[in-house]
């Protein structure tokens, strides 16, 4: 009789342990970057940053500010930048298209084109 009672107690404890165990934790999914927010680099190593409507470009070697301005999202994939070049002392507009989450193709109002790659 003691054996049956012991087995019943062990079975009940095992069942309780299974029922009261917390569910497995879900790992957070990596987030995809949204829009142009963040840091970008051109083939020459010039770093451009987009943050909260503010745009700036800095040299990669000395971190010298080369251009600054603002940007607006015209759509989820189109951005218009109004910037002032501190090197040339000129103002210009640049239209950029987010062709992939990590590539931004841009055309200056002068017609010059360039691409930026997201830094990660």
N, C-alpha and C. Protein backbone atom coordinates (compact mmCIF):
# COMPACT_ATOMS: atom_id res chain seq x y z
N UNK A 1 0.82 -1.19 0.00
CA UNK A 1 0.00 0.00 0.00
C UNK A 1 0.86 1.25 0.00
N UNK A 2 1.97 1.22 0.79
CA UNK A 2 2.86 2.36 0.81
C UNK A 2 3.46 2.61 -0.56
N UNK A 3 3.74 1.55 -1.29
CA UNK A 3 4.32 1.68 -2.61
C UNK A 3 3.36 2.37 -3.57
N UNK A 4 2.07 2.00 -3.52
CA UNK A 4 1.07 2.63 -4.37
C UNK A 4 0.93 4.12 -4.03
N UNK A 5 0.93 4.44 -2.76
CA UNK A 5 0.81 5.83 -2.33
C UNK A 5 2.02 6.63 -2.78
N UNK A 6 3.22 6.05 -2.69
CA UNK A 6 4.44 6.72 -3.12
C UNK A 6 4.42 6.95 -4.63
N UNK A 7 4.01 5.95 -5.39
CA UNK A 7 3.94 6.09 -6.83
C UNK A 7 2.91 7.15 -7.23
N UNK A 8 1.81 7.17 -6.56
CA UNK A 8 0.77 8.18 -6.85
C UNK A 8 1.29 9.57 -6.53
N UNK A 9 2.02 9.71 -5.44
CA UNK A 9 2.59 11.00 -5.06
C UNK A 9 3.63 11.45 -6.08
N UNK A 10 4.49 10.56 -6.53
CA UNK A 10 5.50 10.88 -7.54
C UNK A 10 4.83 11.27 -8.85
N UNK A 11 3.82 10.56 -9.26
CA UNK A 11 3.10 10.86 -10.50
C UNK A 11 2.43 12.23 -10.41
N UNK A 12 1.83 12.54 -9.28
CA UNK A 12 1.17 13.84 -9.10
C UNK A 12 2.20 14.96 -9.13
N UNK A 13 3.36 14.76 -8.50
CA UNK A 13 4.41 15.78 -8.49
C UNK A 13 4.95 16.00 -9.90
N UNK A 14 5.11 14.92 -10.65
CA UNK A 14 5.61 15.04 -12.02
C UNK A 14 4.61 15.80 -12.89
N UNK A 15 3.34 15.47 -12.74
CA UNK A 15 2.30 16.13 -13.52
C UNK A 15 2.22 17.61 -13.15
N UNK A 16 2.34 17.95 -11.90
CA UNK A 16 2.31 19.34 -11.46
C UNK A 16 3.50 20.09 -12.04
N UNK A 17 4.66 19.47 -12.08
CA UNK A 17 5.86 20.12 -12.61
C UNK A 17 5.67 20.42 -14.10
N UNK A 18 5.07 19.52 -14.83
CA UNK A 18 4.85 19.74 -16.26
C UNK A 18 3.85 20.87 -16.49
N UNK A 19 2.81 20.90 -15.70
CA UNK A 19 1.75 21.89 -15.89
C UNK A 19 2.21 23.28 -15.46
N UNK A 20 3.00 23.39 -14.39
CA UNK A 20 3.35 24.69 -13.86
C UNK A 20 4.62 25.29 -14.48
N UNK A 21 5.30 24.54 -15.34
CA UNK A 21 6.51 25.08 -15.96
C UNK A 21 6.14 26.23 -16.90
N UNK A 22 6.90 27.32 -16.87
CA UNK A 22 6.58 28.45 -17.75
C UNK A 22 6.82 28.09 -19.21
N UNK A 23 6.10 28.73 -20.10
CA UNK A 23 6.30 28.43 -21.52
C UNK A 23 7.70 28.88 -21.95
N UNK A 24 8.24 28.28 -23.00
CA UNK A 24 9.57 28.68 -23.46
C UNK A 24 9.58 30.14 -23.91
N UNK A 25 10.68 30.83 -23.64
CA UNK A 25 10.81 32.24 -24.03
C UNK A 25 10.99 32.37 -25.52
N UNK A 26 10.32 33.34 -26.11
CA UNK A 26 10.50 33.64 -27.53
C UNK A 26 11.66 34.62 -27.67
N UNK A 27 12.58 34.34 -28.56
CA UNK A 27 13.68 35.25 -28.82
C UNK A 27 13.18 36.41 -29.67
N UNK A 28 13.65 37.63 -29.40
CA UNK A 28 13.21 38.76 -30.21
C UNK A 28 13.70 38.60 -31.65
N UNK A 29 12.85 38.96 -32.59
CA UNK A 29 13.19 38.90 -33.99
C UNK A 29 14.03 40.11 -34.36
N UNK A 30 15.06 39.93 -35.20
CA UNK A 30 15.84 41.09 -35.61
C UNK A 30 14.96 42.05 -36.40
N UNK A 31 15.13 43.32 -36.14
CA UNK A 31 14.30 44.31 -36.83
C UNK A 31 14.99 44.78 -38.10
N UNK A 32 14.20 44.98 -39.10
CA UNK A 32 14.69 45.54 -40.35
C UNK A 32 14.77 47.04 -40.20
N UNK A 33 15.82 47.65 -40.79
CA UNK A 33 15.89 49.10 -40.72
C UNK A 33 14.71 49.73 -41.43
N UNK A 34 14.26 50.88 -40.93
CA UNK A 34 13.12 51.57 -41.53
C UNK A 34 13.59 52.83 -42.22
N UNK A 35 13.19 52.98 -43.47
CA UNK A 35 13.51 54.19 -44.20
C UNK A 35 15.00 54.45 -44.27
N UNK A 36 15.36 55.71 -44.23
CA UNK A 36 16.77 56.09 -44.38
C UNK A 36 17.44 56.39 -43.05
N UNK A 37 16.70 56.33 -41.94
CA UNK A 37 17.29 56.63 -40.63
C UNK A 37 18.56 55.81 -40.42
N UNK A 38 19.61 56.48 -39.97
CA UNK A 38 20.84 55.78 -39.68
C UNK A 38 22.02 56.33 -40.44
N UNK A 39 23.06 55.52 -40.50
CA UNK A 39 24.34 55.92 -41.10
C UNK A 39 24.53 55.24 -42.45
N UNK A 40 25.05 56.00 -43.43
CA UNK A 40 25.27 55.52 -44.78
C UNK A 40 26.67 55.92 -45.21
N UNK A 41 27.24 55.18 -46.15
CA UNK A 41 28.58 55.49 -46.64
C UNK A 41 28.59 55.42 -48.17
N UNK A 42 29.37 56.33 -48.80
CA UNK A 42 29.51 56.28 -50.25
C UNK A 42 30.78 55.50 -50.60
N UNK A 43 31.03 55.22 -51.88
CA UNK A 43 32.22 54.43 -52.26
C UNK A 43 33.55 55.07 -51.83
N UNK A 44 33.57 56.40 -51.59
CA UNK A 44 34.80 57.06 -51.16
C UNK A 44 34.97 57.07 -49.65
N UNK A 45 34.03 56.48 -48.92
CA UNK A 45 34.13 56.42 -47.47
C UNK A 45 33.51 57.62 -46.76
N UNK A 46 32.84 58.51 -47.50
CA UNK A 46 32.16 59.66 -46.88
C UNK A 46 30.92 59.13 -46.17
N UNK A 47 30.73 59.54 -44.93
CA UNK A 47 29.64 59.03 -44.10
C UNK A 47 28.51 60.06 -44.03
N UNK A 48 27.30 59.63 -44.38
CA UNK A 48 26.11 60.47 -44.28
C UNK A 48 25.19 59.90 -43.22
N UNK A 49 24.60 60.80 -42.42
CA UNK A 49 23.69 60.37 -41.36
C UNK A 49 22.34 61.03 -41.53
N UNK A 50 21.30 60.24 -41.33
CA UNK A 50 19.92 60.71 -41.36
C UNK A 50 19.33 60.42 -39.99
N UNK A 51 18.88 61.46 -39.32
CA UNK A 51 18.27 61.24 -38.01
C UNK A 51 17.24 62.31 -37.71
N UNK A 52 15.99 61.89 -37.57
CA UNK A 52 14.91 62.79 -37.17
C UNK A 52 14.75 64.02 -38.04
N UNK A 53 14.95 63.88 -39.35
CA UNK A 53 14.79 65.01 -40.27
C UNK A 53 16.05 65.82 -40.50
N UNK A 54 17.14 65.46 -39.81
CA UNK A 54 18.42 66.16 -39.96
C UNK A 54 19.39 65.28 -40.74
N UNK A 55 20.07 65.91 -41.67
CA UNK A 55 21.04 65.22 -42.53
C UNK A 55 22.41 65.85 -42.34
N UNK A 56 23.46 65.03 -42.27
CA UNK A 56 24.82 65.58 -42.32
C UNK A 56 25.77 64.58 -42.94
N UNK A 57 26.84 65.11 -43.51
CA UNK A 57 27.86 64.31 -44.16
C UNK A 57 29.20 64.67 -43.56
N UNK A 58 29.99 63.65 -43.20
CA UNK A 58 31.29 63.87 -42.58
C UNK A 58 32.36 63.04 -43.28
N UNK A 59 33.58 63.55 -43.24
CA UNK A 59 34.70 62.79 -43.79
C UNK A 59 34.96 61.60 -42.86
N UNK A 60 35.39 60.51 -43.44
CA UNK A 60 35.62 59.31 -42.62
C UNK A 60 36.94 59.38 -41.85
N UNK A 61 37.91 60.13 -42.37
CA UNK A 61 39.21 60.16 -41.71
C UNK A 61 39.26 61.13 -40.52
N UNK A 62 38.77 62.37 -40.71
CA UNK A 62 38.87 63.36 -39.63
C UNK A 62 37.52 63.72 -39.00
N UNK A 63 36.44 63.10 -39.51
CA UNK A 63 35.09 63.37 -39.01
C UNK A 63 34.69 64.84 -39.20
N UNK A 64 35.29 65.51 -40.17
CA UNK A 64 34.98 66.90 -40.48
C UNK A 64 33.61 67.00 -41.13
N UNK A 65 32.79 67.93 -40.68
CA UNK A 65 31.48 68.15 -41.26
C UNK A 65 31.64 68.75 -42.66
N UNK A 66 31.12 68.06 -43.67
CA UNK A 66 31.24 68.50 -45.06
C UNK A 66 29.96 69.15 -45.57
N UNK A 67 28.82 68.65 -45.13
CA UNK A 67 27.53 69.18 -45.56
C UNK A 67 26.50 68.91 -44.47
N UNK A 68 25.49 69.75 -44.41
CA UNK A 68 24.41 69.53 -43.45
C UNK A 68 23.12 70.05 -44.05
N UNK A 69 22.01 69.61 -43.47
CA UNK A 69 20.72 70.05 -43.96
C UNK A 69 19.59 69.26 -43.33
N UNK A 70 18.50 69.21 -44.06
CA UNK A 70 17.31 68.51 -43.58
C UNK A 70 16.82 67.56 -44.68
N UNK A 71 15.96 66.64 -44.29
CA UNK A 71 15.36 65.75 -45.27
C UNK A 71 13.91 65.50 -44.90
N UNK A 72 13.13 65.18 -45.93
CA UNK A 72 11.74 64.79 -45.73
C UNK A 72 11.48 63.51 -46.50
N UNK A 73 10.68 62.64 -45.91
CA UNK A 73 10.27 61.42 -46.58
C UNK A 73 9.07 61.76 -47.46
N UNK A 74 9.22 61.61 -48.77
CA UNK A 74 8.11 61.84 -49.68
C UNK A 74 7.22 60.61 -49.78
N UNK A 75 7.79 59.46 -49.53
CA UNK A 75 7.08 58.17 -49.50
C UNK A 75 7.98 57.22 -48.72
N UNK A 76 7.56 55.99 -48.51
CA UNK A 76 8.43 55.06 -47.78
C UNK A 76 9.78 54.80 -48.47
N UNK A 77 9.87 55.07 -49.79
CA UNK A 77 11.12 54.80 -50.51
C UNK A 77 11.74 56.04 -51.14
N UNK A 78 11.11 57.21 -51.03
CA UNK A 78 11.66 58.43 -51.63
C UNK A 78 11.92 59.49 -50.56
N UNK A 79 13.11 60.10 -50.66
CA UNK A 79 13.53 61.11 -49.70
C UNK A 79 14.06 62.32 -50.45
N UNK A 80 13.72 63.51 -49.97
CA UNK A 80 14.28 64.74 -50.54
C UNK A 80 15.15 65.41 -49.48
N UNK A 81 16.40 65.70 -49.88
CA UNK A 81 17.36 66.33 -48.97
C UNK A 81 17.59 67.76 -49.43
N UNK A 82 17.51 68.70 -48.51
CA UNK A 82 17.93 70.09 -48.76
C UNK A 82 19.19 70.28 -47.95
N UNK A 83 20.31 70.55 -48.66
CA UNK A 83 21.58 70.59 -47.94
C UNK A 83 22.45 71.75 -48.37
N UNK A 84 23.35 72.10 -47.47
CA UNK A 84 24.35 73.12 -47.72
C UNK A 84 25.72 72.46 -47.65
N UNK A 85 26.49 72.62 -48.73
CA UNK A 85 27.85 72.11 -48.74
C UNK A 85 28.73 73.14 -48.05
N UNK A 86 29.38 72.73 -46.99
CA UNK A 86 30.28 73.62 -46.27
C UNK A 86 31.60 73.77 -47.00
N UNK A 87 31.92 72.83 -47.89
CA UNK A 87 33.14 72.87 -48.66
C UNK A 87 32.98 73.85 -49.83
N UNK A 88 31.88 73.69 -50.60
CA UNK A 88 31.65 74.54 -51.78
C UNK A 88 30.84 75.80 -51.47
N UNK A 89 30.28 75.85 -50.29
CA UNK A 89 29.42 76.97 -49.88
C UNK A 89 28.24 77.15 -50.84
N UNK A 90 27.61 76.01 -51.18
CA UNK A 90 26.45 76.02 -52.08
C UNK A 90 25.30 75.28 -51.41
N UNK A 91 24.11 75.60 -51.89
CA UNK A 91 22.91 74.88 -51.43
C UNK A 91 22.39 74.05 -52.59
N UNK A 92 21.85 72.87 -52.26
CA UNK A 92 21.30 72.01 -53.31
C UNK A 92 20.21 71.11 -52.74
N UNK A 93 19.48 70.53 -53.68
CA UNK A 93 18.47 69.53 -53.34
C UNK A 93 18.91 68.20 -53.94
N UNK A 94 18.66 67.16 -53.19
CA UNK A 94 19.01 65.81 -53.63
C UNK A 94 17.80 64.93 -53.44
N UNK A 95 17.44 64.19 -54.48
CA UNK A 95 16.35 63.22 -54.38
C UNK A 95 16.95 61.83 -54.33
N UNK A 96 16.50 61.05 -53.35
CA UNK A 96 17.06 59.71 -53.16
C UNK A 96 15.94 58.67 -53.16
N UNK A 97 16.28 57.51 -53.70
CA UNK A 97 15.35 56.39 -53.74
C UNK A 97 15.96 55.21 -53.00
N UNK A 98 15.21 54.68 -52.06
CA UNK A 98 15.64 53.52 -51.30
C UNK A 98 15.34 52.29 -52.15
N UNK A 99 16.35 51.79 -52.88
CA UNK A 99 16.13 50.68 -53.81
C UNK A 99 16.15 49.33 -53.11
N UNK A 100 16.88 49.23 -52.01
CA UNK A 100 16.83 48.07 -51.12
C UNK A 100 16.95 48.65 -49.70
N UNK A 101 16.70 47.87 -48.67
CA UNK A 101 16.86 48.42 -47.31
C UNK A 101 18.28 48.93 -47.04
N UNK A 102 19.25 48.50 -47.85
CA UNK A 102 20.64 48.87 -47.61
C UNK A 102 21.29 49.69 -48.72
N UNK A 103 20.52 50.10 -49.74
CA UNK A 103 21.08 50.90 -50.83
C UNK A 103 20.17 52.08 -51.14
N UNK A 104 20.79 53.26 -51.20
CA UNK A 104 20.09 54.50 -51.47
C UNK A 104 20.71 55.12 -52.72
N UNK A 105 19.93 55.25 -53.80
CA UNK A 105 20.41 55.87 -55.03
C UNK A 105 19.93 57.32 -55.05
N UNK A 106 20.85 58.26 -55.28
CA UNK A 106 20.54 59.68 -55.17
C UNK A 106 20.90 60.43 -56.44
N UNK A 107 20.13 61.49 -56.72
CA UNK A 107 20.39 62.39 -57.83
C UNK A 107 20.35 63.81 -57.32
N UNK A 108 21.45 64.55 -57.53
CA UNK A 108 21.50 65.95 -57.13
C UNK A 108 20.74 66.80 -58.16
N UNK A 109 20.34 68.01 -57.75
CA UNK A 109 19.62 68.87 -58.69
C UNK A 109 20.49 69.25 -59.89
N UNK A 110 21.81 69.08 -59.80
CA UNK A 110 22.71 69.32 -60.93
C UNK A 110 22.71 68.14 -61.91
N UNK A 111 22.10 67.02 -61.51
CA UNK A 111 22.07 65.83 -62.36
C UNK A 111 23.08 64.77 -61.95
N UNK A 112 24.03 65.12 -61.10
CA UNK A 112 25.02 64.14 -60.64
C UNK A 112 24.34 63.05 -59.81
N UNK A 113 24.79 61.83 -59.99
CA UNK A 113 24.21 60.69 -59.28
C UNK A 113 25.25 60.01 -58.41
N UNK A 114 24.78 59.44 -57.30
CA UNK A 114 25.65 58.67 -56.42
C UNK A 114 24.80 57.68 -55.63
N UNK A 115 25.46 56.70 -55.06
CA UNK A 115 24.78 55.69 -54.24
C UNK A 115 25.40 55.65 -52.86
N UNK A 116 24.57 55.34 -51.90
CA UNK A 116 25.01 55.18 -50.51
C UNK A 116 24.63 53.78 -50.05
N UNK A 117 25.49 53.18 -49.24
CA UNK A 117 25.20 51.87 -48.66
C UNK A 117 25.05 52.04 -47.14
N UNK A 118 24.06 51.36 -46.58
CA UNK A 118 23.82 51.45 -45.13
C UNK A 118 24.99 50.86 -44.37
N UNK A 119 25.42 51.58 -43.33
CA UNK A 119 26.46 51.06 -42.43
C UNK A 119 25.78 50.27 -41.35
N UNK A 120 26.35 49.15 -41.00
CA UNK A 120 25.68 48.35 -40.00
C UNK A 120 26.60 47.88 -38.99
